[in-house]
Amino acid sequence: MAENNILDKLEGLVSRFEEISTLITDPNVISDQKRYVKLTKEYKDLSDIMKARKEYMTCIQNANEAREMISAEDDPEMKEMAREELAAAEQRIPELEEEIKLLLVPADPEDGKNVVMEIRGGTGGDEAALFAGDLFRMYSKYCEMKGWKVTISSFSEGASGGYKEIIFNVTGEGVYGILKYESGVHRVQRVPATETQGRVHTSAATVAVLPEAEPFDVEINEGAIKWDTFRSSGAGGQNVNKVESGVRARYMWKNPNTGVEEEILVECTETRDQPKNKERALARLRTFIYDREHQKYIDDIASRRKTMVSTGDRSAKIRTYNYPQGRITDHRINYTIYNLAAFMDGDIQDCIDHLIVAENAERLKDAEL
């Protein structure tokens, strides 16, 4: 029976859950920050599985007791009550089985992290920069709905508005696990504001979603970083232009995938406080190195998958925004809707939900559950 198979799989995790429950209270483990964080994450994941296991076992027990009551009870009212209880349990059991199967599939270890997002205008000149600005607004609105915090690190404005490039951080719960599906090329088809003949143009912008690295994920020799300071430009009052609050970090780093030493350049003009900018630039440097070191890991996942749901491939065209038809099409899952105005206002959850379902189906298939 399916329930016995699932219970067998869950039984093996009970002892591990009890072991971790003890370990995370051990002072020696707590003092080892890297190990402690890893164990607390595993504890949370196993807690969810144990909670589902408890409900699953209760449902099975209720169903068995209801069947016994139906066969043994003479009172019609009691029989009817038992039938209702059996029906409720039989409806809930397969739902729990699917939930448990997904919980048993190893999740992407990056899913719970905050992200660094980069949006760059691609082909299309000024129109591409305007579209990059529209995408940033869309994500900002979506993050606001989710209660996530958006902090801009740096940006370069387009000649007619929008952004040639904008880099920003998103902090909140489970951010990367949701926004990772947005990595790739976003194509727009519309009549540009500068077009006098009313012709539809096609432009594109590239979105990269990087999991934010923790301080202990990447080892950086901070003494080897060359720091420069400069005056920030743009709006912000007299202080911004007169004080050298902007910081620039140069760091020579040997790429483990290629063996080539390369310079990484990071700038931050986010605040008027130079130490804060320095701290945030260091966090960005750490994230960029972490992302590059893990590119091989991402490529390996992509090569094993039959779909392009969330491979992290930034060169793949993932979505088209067709303004004349008011249509959004996600090419990875053949998802099409006609509510472009609402979508650009941040109403993107339904599309993300479909992408999550598609990836979960694939994960279950790969895990043979």
Protein backbone atom coordinates (compact mmCIF):
# COMPACT_ATOMS: atom_id res chain seq x y z
CA MET A 1 0.00 0.00 0.00
CA ALA A 2 1.12 3.56 -0.71
CA GLU A 3 0.65 4.58 2.92
CA ASN A 4 2.97 1.80 4.17
CA ASN A 5 5.65 2.83 1.65
CA ILE A 6 5.45 6.47 2.75
CA LEU A 7 5.47 5.57 6.45
CA ASP A 8 8.57 3.40 5.87
CA LYS A 9 10.33 6.37 4.27
CA LEU A 10 9.30 8.64 7.14
CA GLU A 11 10.33 6.17 9.86
CA GLY A 12 13.98 6.48 8.90
CA LEU A 13 13.85 10.24 9.48
CA VAL A 14 12.47 10.09 13.02
CA SER A 15 15.80 9.14 14.60
CA ARG A 16 17.62 11.83 12.58
CA PHE A 17 15.11 14.45 13.77
CA GLU A 18 15.67 13.41 17.39
CA GLU A 19 19.44 13.50 16.88
CA ILE A 20 19.37 17.04 15.43
CA SER A 21 17.01 18.19 18.20
CA THR A 22 19.78 17.30 20.66
CA LEU A 23 22.67 18.61 18.57
CA ILE A 24 21.30 22.15 18.12
CA THR A 25 21.31 22.59 21.93
CA ASP A 26 24.96 21.47 22.22
CA PRO A 27 27.24 24.47 23.08
CA ASN A 28 30.03 23.04 20.87
CA VAL A 29 27.67 22.96 17.87
CA ILE A 30 26.29 26.44 18.61
CA SER A 31 29.84 27.85 18.67
CA ASP A 32 30.47 26.41 15.17
CA GLN A 33 28.33 28.93 13.27
CA LYS A 34 28.54 27.20 9.91
CA ARG A 35 27.49 23.81 11.27
CA TYR A 36 24.82 25.32 13.54
CA VAL A 37 23.12 27.17 10.66
CA LYS A 38 23.18 24.02 8.52
CA LEU A 39 21.67 21.91 11.31
CA THR A 40 18.94 24.42 12.19
CA LYS A 41 17.92 24.51 8.52
CA GLU A 42 17.75 20.69 8.48
CA TYR A 43 15.81 20.77 11.77
CA LYS A 44 13.21 23.11 10.27
CA ASP A 45 12.82 20.92 7.17
CA LEU A 46 12.47 17.77 9.26
CA SER A 47 10.01 19.54 11.60
CA ASP A 48 7.70 20.10 8.63
CA ILE A 49 8.01 16.43 7.66
CA MET A 50 7.34 15.24 11.23
CA LYS A 51 4.28 17.47 11.46
CA ALA A 52 2.92 16.04 8.18
CA ARG A 53 3.76 12.51 9.38
CA LYS A 54 1.78 13.03 12.59
CA GLU A 55 -1.28 14.28 10.68
CA TYR A 56 -0.95 11.44 8.14
CA MET A 57 -0.84 8.77 10.86
CA THR A 58 -3.81 10.36 12.62
CA CYS A 59 -5.84 10.33 9.37
CA ILE A 60 -5.02 6.66 8.76
CA GLN A 61 -6.00 5.79 12.32
CA ASN A 62 -9.28 7.77 12.04
CA ALA A 63 -10.11 6.01 8.77
CA ASN A 64 -9.50 2.56 10.29
CA GLU A 65 -11.59 3.35 13.37
CA ALA A 66 -14.40 4.74 11.21
CA ARG A 67 -14.46 1.54 9.10
CA GLU A 68 -14.65 -0.59 12.24
CA MET A 69 -17.51 1.54 13.57
CA ILE A 70 -19.45 1.27 10.28
CA SER A 71 -19.22 -2.53 10.32
CA ALA A 72 -19.88 -2.98 14.05
CA GLU A 73 -22.32 -0.18 14.93
CA ASP A 74 -26.10 -0.67 14.82
CA ASP A 75 -27.12 2.93 15.56
CA PRO A 76 -27.88 4.67 12.19
CA GLU A 77 -26.74 8.07 13.49
CA MET A 78 -23.42 6.68 14.68
CA LYS A 79 -22.96 4.88 11.36
CA GLU A 80 -23.61 8.13 9.48
CA MET A 81 -21.14 10.01 11.69
CA ALA A 82 -18.53 7.31 11.02
CA ARG A 83 -19.15 7.53 7.25
CA GLU A 84 -18.60 11.31 7.34
CA GLU A 85 -15.38 10.85 9.30
CA LEU A 86 -14.20 8.17 6.88
CA ALA A 87 -14.97 10.37 3.86
CA ALA A 88 -13.02 13.29 5.39
CA ALA A 89 -10.04 11.06 6.17
CA GLU A 90 -10.05 9.44 2.72
CA GLN A 91 -10.08 12.87 1.10
CA ARG A 92 -7.22 14.17 3.23
CA ILE A 93 -4.93 11.10 3.02
CA PRO A 94 -3.99 11.43 -0.71
CA GLU A 95 -3.48 15.19 -0.24
CA LEU A 96 -1.07 14.51 2.62
CA GLU A 97 0.71 11.85 0.55
CA GLU A 98 1.47 14.43 -2.16
CA GLU A 99 2.60 16.99 0.42
CA ILE A 100 4.90 14.44 2.08
CA LYS A 101 6.35 13.31 -1.26
CA LEU A 102 7.36 16.90 -2.01
CA LEU A 103 8.81 17.32 1.48
CA LEU A 104 10.88 14.15 0.98
CA VAL A 105 12.45 15.46 -2.24
CA PRO A 106 15.65 17.37 -1.35
CA ALA A 107 14.98 21.08 -1.76
CA ASP A 108 17.41 23.47 -3.42
CA PRO A 109 19.66 24.50 -0.50
CA GLU A 110 19.62 28.07 -1.81
CA ASP A 111 15.82 28.47 -1.69
CA GLY A 112 15.64 30.13 1.71
CA LYS A 113 18.20 32.82 0.88
CA ASN A 114 17.80 36.51 0.10
CA VAL A 115 18.73 37.56 -3.43
CA VAL A 116 20.71 40.05 -5.45
CA MET A 117 18.81 40.88 -8.65
CA GLU A 118 20.30 42.47 -11.75
CA ILE A 119 18.18 43.85 -14.59
CA ARG A 120 19.98 44.99 -17.74
CA GLY A 121 18.52 46.50 -20.88
CA GLY A 122 19.42 44.29 -23.84
CA THR A 123 18.69 44.68 -27.55
CA GLY A 124 16.51 47.66 -28.34
CA GLY A 125 18.45 50.72 -27.11
CA ASP A 126 16.35 53.30 -25.24
CA GLU A 127 13.25 51.10 -25.42
CA ALA A 128 15.16 48.22 -23.75
CA ALA A 129 16.15 50.57 -20.91
CA LEU A 130 12.52 51.65 -20.49
CA PHE A 131 11.44 48.02 -20.36
CA ALA A 132 14.14 47.27 -17.76
CA GLY A 133 12.58 50.08 -15.71
CA ASP A 134 9.13 48.52 -16.15
CA LEU A 135 10.45 45.16 -14.96
CA PHE A 136 12.05 46.75 -11.89
CA ARG A 137 8.73 48.42 -11.05
CA MET A 138 6.93 45.08 -11.54
CA TYR A 139 9.27 43.27 -9.15
CA SER A 140 9.16 46.15 -6.65
CA LYS A 141 5.35 45.98 -6.57
CA TYR A 142 5.43 42.18 -6.21
CA CYS A 143 7.96 42.35 -3.36
CA GLU A 144 5.81 44.96 -1.64
CA MET A 145 2.82 42.58 -1.81
CA LYS A 146 4.96 39.80 -0.30
CA GLY A 147 6.22 42.04 2.50
CA TRP A 148 9.82 41.81 1.23
CA LYS A 149 12.32 44.66 1.44
CA VAL A 150 13.91 46.01 -1.77
CA THR A 151 17.19 47.95 -1.51
CA ILE A 152 18.86 49.42 -4.60
CA SER A 153 22.65 48.97 -4.69
CA SER A 154 23.48 50.75 -7.94
CA PHE A 155 21.88 51.82 -11.20
CA SER A 156 22.61 53.46 -14.54
CA GLU A 157 19.71 55.40 -16.07
CA GLY A 158 18.72 55.21 -19.72
CA ALA A 159 18.82 58.33 -21.93
CA SER A 160 14.99 58.36 -22.22
CA GLY A 161 14.24 56.90 -18.78
CA GLY A 162 14.30 53.45 -17.28
CA TYR A 163 17.62 51.75 -16.59
CA LYS A 164 20.53 50.53 -18.66
CA GLU A 165 21.31 48.49 -15.54
CA ILE A 166 19.93 48.28 -12.01
CA ILE A 167 21.17 46.05 -9.19
CA PHE A 168 19.13 45.59 -6.02
CA ASN A 169 18.76 43.30 -3.01
CA VAL A 170 15.54 41.61 -1.92
CA THR A 171 15.31 40.39 1.68
CA GLY A 172 12.53 38.30 3.19
CA GLU A 173 11.49 34.71 3.79
CA GLY A 174 12.23 32.15 1.06
CA VAL A 175 12.97 34.85 -1.51
CA TYR A 176 15.34 32.92 -3.80
CA GLY A 177 13.04 29.88 -3.94
CA ILE A 178 10.37 32.09 -5.53
CA LEU A 179 12.29 34.69 -7.56
CA LYS A 180 14.80 32.21 -9.08
CA TYR A 181 12.27 31.48 -11.84
CA GLU A 182 12.73 35.03 -13.16
CA SER A 183 16.32 34.51 -14.37
CA GLY A 184 16.61 34.79 -18.13
CA VAL A 185 15.78 37.01 -21.09
CA HIS A 186 12.47 38.88 -20.97
CA ARG A 187 11.21 40.04 -24.39
CA VAL A 188 8.76 42.90 -24.95
CA GLN A 189 6.72 43.66 -28.08
CA ARG A 190 5.14 47.13 -28.13
CA VAL A 191 5.09 50.51 -29.85
CA PRO A 192 7.89 52.63 -28.30
CA ALA A 193 7.09 56.16 -27.12
CA THR A 194 9.61 57.44 -29.68
CA GLU A 195 7.97 55.59 -32.61
CA THR A 196 6.04 58.01 -34.87
CA GLN A 197 4.72 55.41 -37.35
CA GLY A 198 2.99 53.24 -34.73
CA ARG A 199 5.13 50.20 -35.52
CA VAL A 200 5.57 47.43 -32.96
CA HIS A 201 9.20 46.93 -31.91
CA THR A 202 10.76 43.96 -30.13
CA SER A 203 13.21 44.66 -27.29
CA ALA A 204 14.66 42.64 -24.47
CA ALA A 205 16.04 42.87 -20.96
CA THR A 206 18.04 40.33 -19.01
CA VAL A 207 17.19 39.42 -15.42
CA ALA A 208 19.68 37.61 -13.17
CA VAL A 209 18.62 36.35 -9.74
CA LEU A 210 21.58 35.43 -7.50
CA PRO A 211 21.27 33.83 -4.05
CA GLU A 212 22.87 36.15 -1.51
CA ALA A 213 25.96 34.58 0.05
CA GLU A 214 26.33 34.29 3.80
CA PRO A 215 29.65 35.49 5.30
CA PHE A 216 30.79 31.87 5.82
CA ASP A 217 29.77 30.64 2.34
CA VAL A 218 32.74 32.35 0.69
CA GLU A 219 36.24 32.99 1.98
CA ILE A 220 37.56 36.43 1.01
CA ASN A 221 40.95 37.85 1.94
CA GLU A 222 39.67 41.27 2.96
CA GLY A 223 43.23 42.57 3.23
CA ALA A 224 43.64 42.02 -0.53
CA ILE A 225 40.67 44.23 -1.42
CA LYS A 226 41.64 47.60 -2.93
CA TRP A 227 39.15 50.26 -1.84
CA ASP A 228 38.48 53.58 -3.61
CA THR A 229 36.03 56.28 -2.59
CA PHE A 230 34.24 58.78 -4.82
CA ARG A 231 31.49 61.34 -4.78
CA SER A 232 28.03 59.99 -5.55
CA SER A 233 26.04 61.54 -8.38
CA GLY A 234 22.31 62.08 -8.74
CA ALA A 235 19.55 63.29 -6.44
CA GLY A 236 20.03 63.32 -2.70
CA GLY A 237 20.93 66.81 -1.56
CA GLN A 238 24.19 68.69 -1.23
CA ASN A 239 25.88 66.08 0.97
CA VAL A 240 25.73 63.38 -1.72
CA ASN A 241 27.81 65.36 -4.18
CA LYS A 242 30.28 66.92 -1.71
CA VAL A 243 31.18 63.91 0.45
CA GLU A 244 33.03 60.87 -0.89
CA SER A 245 30.42 58.40 0.35
CA GLY A 246 30.51 56.10 -2.70
CA VAL A 247 32.86 53.11 -2.45
CA ARG A 248 34.51 50.89 -5.07
CA ALA A 249 36.11 47.52 -4.30
CA ARG A 250 38.65 45.79 -6.56
CA TYR A 251 39.46 42.19 -5.80
CA MET A 252 41.70 39.70 -7.65
CA TRP A 253 40.15 36.26 -7.53
CA LYS A 254 41.10 32.92 -9.07
CA ASN A 255 38.09 31.34 -10.74
CA PRO A 256 38.08 27.66 -9.63
CA ASN A 257 36.15 26.64 -12.75
CA THR A 258 38.68 28.13 -15.22
CA GLY A 259 41.83 28.52 -13.13
CA VAL A 260 42.14 32.09 -14.45
CA GLU A 261 42.76 35.02 -12.12
CA GLU A 262 40.32 37.86 -12.75
CA GLU A 263 39.50 41.22 -11.22
CA ILE A 264 36.05 41.76 -9.71
CA LEU A 265 34.85 45.35 -9.45
CA VAL A 266 31.98 46.27 -7.12
CA GLU A 267 30.55 49.74 -6.44
CA CYS A 268 27.99 50.92 -3.89
CA THR A 269 26.46 54.42 -3.59
CA GLU A 270 23.38 53.27 -1.71
CA THR A 271 23.66 55.47 1.40
CA ARG A 272 25.40 58.68 2.50
CA ASP A 273 27.34 56.65 5.07
CA GLN A 274 30.65 55.40 3.65
CA PRO A 275 31.09 52.53 6.19
CA LYS A 276 27.59 51.23 5.37
CA ASN A 277 28.34 51.40 1.65
CA LYS A 278 31.59 49.54 2.28
CA GLU A 279 29.74 46.82 4.21
CA ARG A 280 27.16 46.41 1.43
CA ALA A 281 29.81 46.41 -1.29
CA LEU A 282 31.57 43.60 0.58
CA ALA A 283 28.29 41.64 0.74
CA ARG A 284 27.85 42.09 -3.02
CA LEU A 285 31.43 40.99 -3.69
CA ARG A 286 30.83 37.89 -1.59
CA THR A 287 27.60 37.13 -3.51
CA PHE A 288 29.21 37.56 -6.94
CA ILE A 289 32.06 35.19 -6.06
CA TYR A 290 29.62 32.71 -4.54
CA ASP A 291 27.50 32.83 -7.70
CA ARG A 292 30.47 32.20 -9.99
CA GLU A 293 31.83 29.37 -7.84
CA HIS A 294 28.40 27.70 -7.92
CA GLN A 295 27.84 28.12 -11.67
CA LYS A 296 29.13 24.60 -12.28
CA TYR A 297 26.60 23.30 -9.74
CA ILE A 298 23.83 25.19 -11.55
CA ASP A 299 25.00 23.88 -14.94
CA ASP A 300 25.00 20.31 -13.62
CA ILE A 301 21.38 20.70 -12.48
CA ALA A 302 20.42 22.20 -15.84
CA SER A 303 21.98 19.30 -17.75
CA ARG A 304 20.00 16.79 -15.71
CA ARG A 305 16.67 18.52 -16.21
CA LYS A 306 14.39 17.99 -19.17
CA THR A 307 12.77 21.42 -18.78
CA MET A 308 14.07 24.97 -18.38
CA VAL A 309 11.91 25.90 -15.42
CA SER A 310 14.63 27.22 -13.13
CA THR A 311 18.07 26.34 -14.39
CA GLY A 312 19.56 29.76 -13.78
CA ASP A 313 20.39 30.01 -17.50
CA ARG A 314 20.50 33.76 -18.12
CA SER A 315 20.69 33.44 -21.91
CA ALA A 316 17.38 31.58 -22.30
CA LYS A 317 14.36 33.56 -23.52
CA ILE A 318 11.81 32.80 -20.83
CA ARG A 319 8.90 35.21 -21.29
CA THR A 320 7.29 37.53 -23.84
CA TYR A 321 5.26 40.63 -22.93
CA ASN A 322 3.03 41.51 -25.91
CA TYR A 323 1.43 44.92 -25.32
CA PRO A 324 -0.83 45.16 -28.44
CA GLN A 325 -2.55 41.91 -27.42
CA GLY A 326 -2.25 42.47 -23.66
CA ARG A 327 -0.63 39.03 -23.49
CA ILE A 328 2.02 37.40 -21.29
CA THR A 329 3.56 34.11 -22.45
CA ASP A 330 6.02 32.06 -20.40
CA HIS A 331 7.77 29.84 -22.93
CA ARG A 332 9.08 27.27 -20.43
CA ILE A 333 5.64 25.93 -19.51
CA ASN A 334 3.47 27.27 -22.38
CA TYR A 335 1.66 29.53 -19.93
CA THR A 336 -0.34 32.36 -21.53
CA ILE A 337 -2.62 34.93 -19.90
CA TYR A 338 -4.21 38.18 -21.06
CA ASN A 339 -3.88 40.46 -18.02
CA LEU A 340 -0.67 42.29 -18.93
CA ALA A 341 -1.58 45.52 -17.09
CA ALA A 342 -2.12 43.69 -13.80
CA PHE A 343 0.99 41.55 -14.38
CA MET A 344 3.17 44.64 -14.85
CA ASP A 345 1.63 45.97 -11.64
CA GLY A 346 3.18 43.09 -9.74
CA ASP A 347 0.44 40.45 -10.09
CA ILE A 348 2.88 37.69 -11.11
CA GLN A 349 2.12 35.08 -8.42
CA ASP A 350 -0.09 32.88 -10.63
CA CYS A 351 2.69 32.50 -13.20
CA ILE A 352 5.23 31.68 -10.48
CA ASP A 353 2.80 29.14 -8.98
CA HIS A 354 2.56 27.36 -12.35
CA LEU A 355 6.37 27.30 -12.61
CA ILE A 356 6.67 25.85 -9.09
CA VAL A 357 4.11 23.13 -9.92
CA ALA A 358 6.01 22.26 -13.11
CA GLU A 359 9.32 22.01 -11.28
CA ASN A 360 7.83 20.01 -8.40
CA ALA A 361 6.37 17.50 -10.88
CA GLU A 362 9.82 17.13 -12.37
CA ARG A 363 11.50 16.73 -8.99
CA LEU A 364 9.02 13.99 -8.01
CA LYS A 365 9.65 12.19 -11.29
CA ASP A 366 13.42 12.39 -10.84
CA ALA A 367 13.13 11.14 -7.26
CA GLU A 368 10.77 8.32 -8.38
CA LEU A 369 8.30 9.04 -5.58
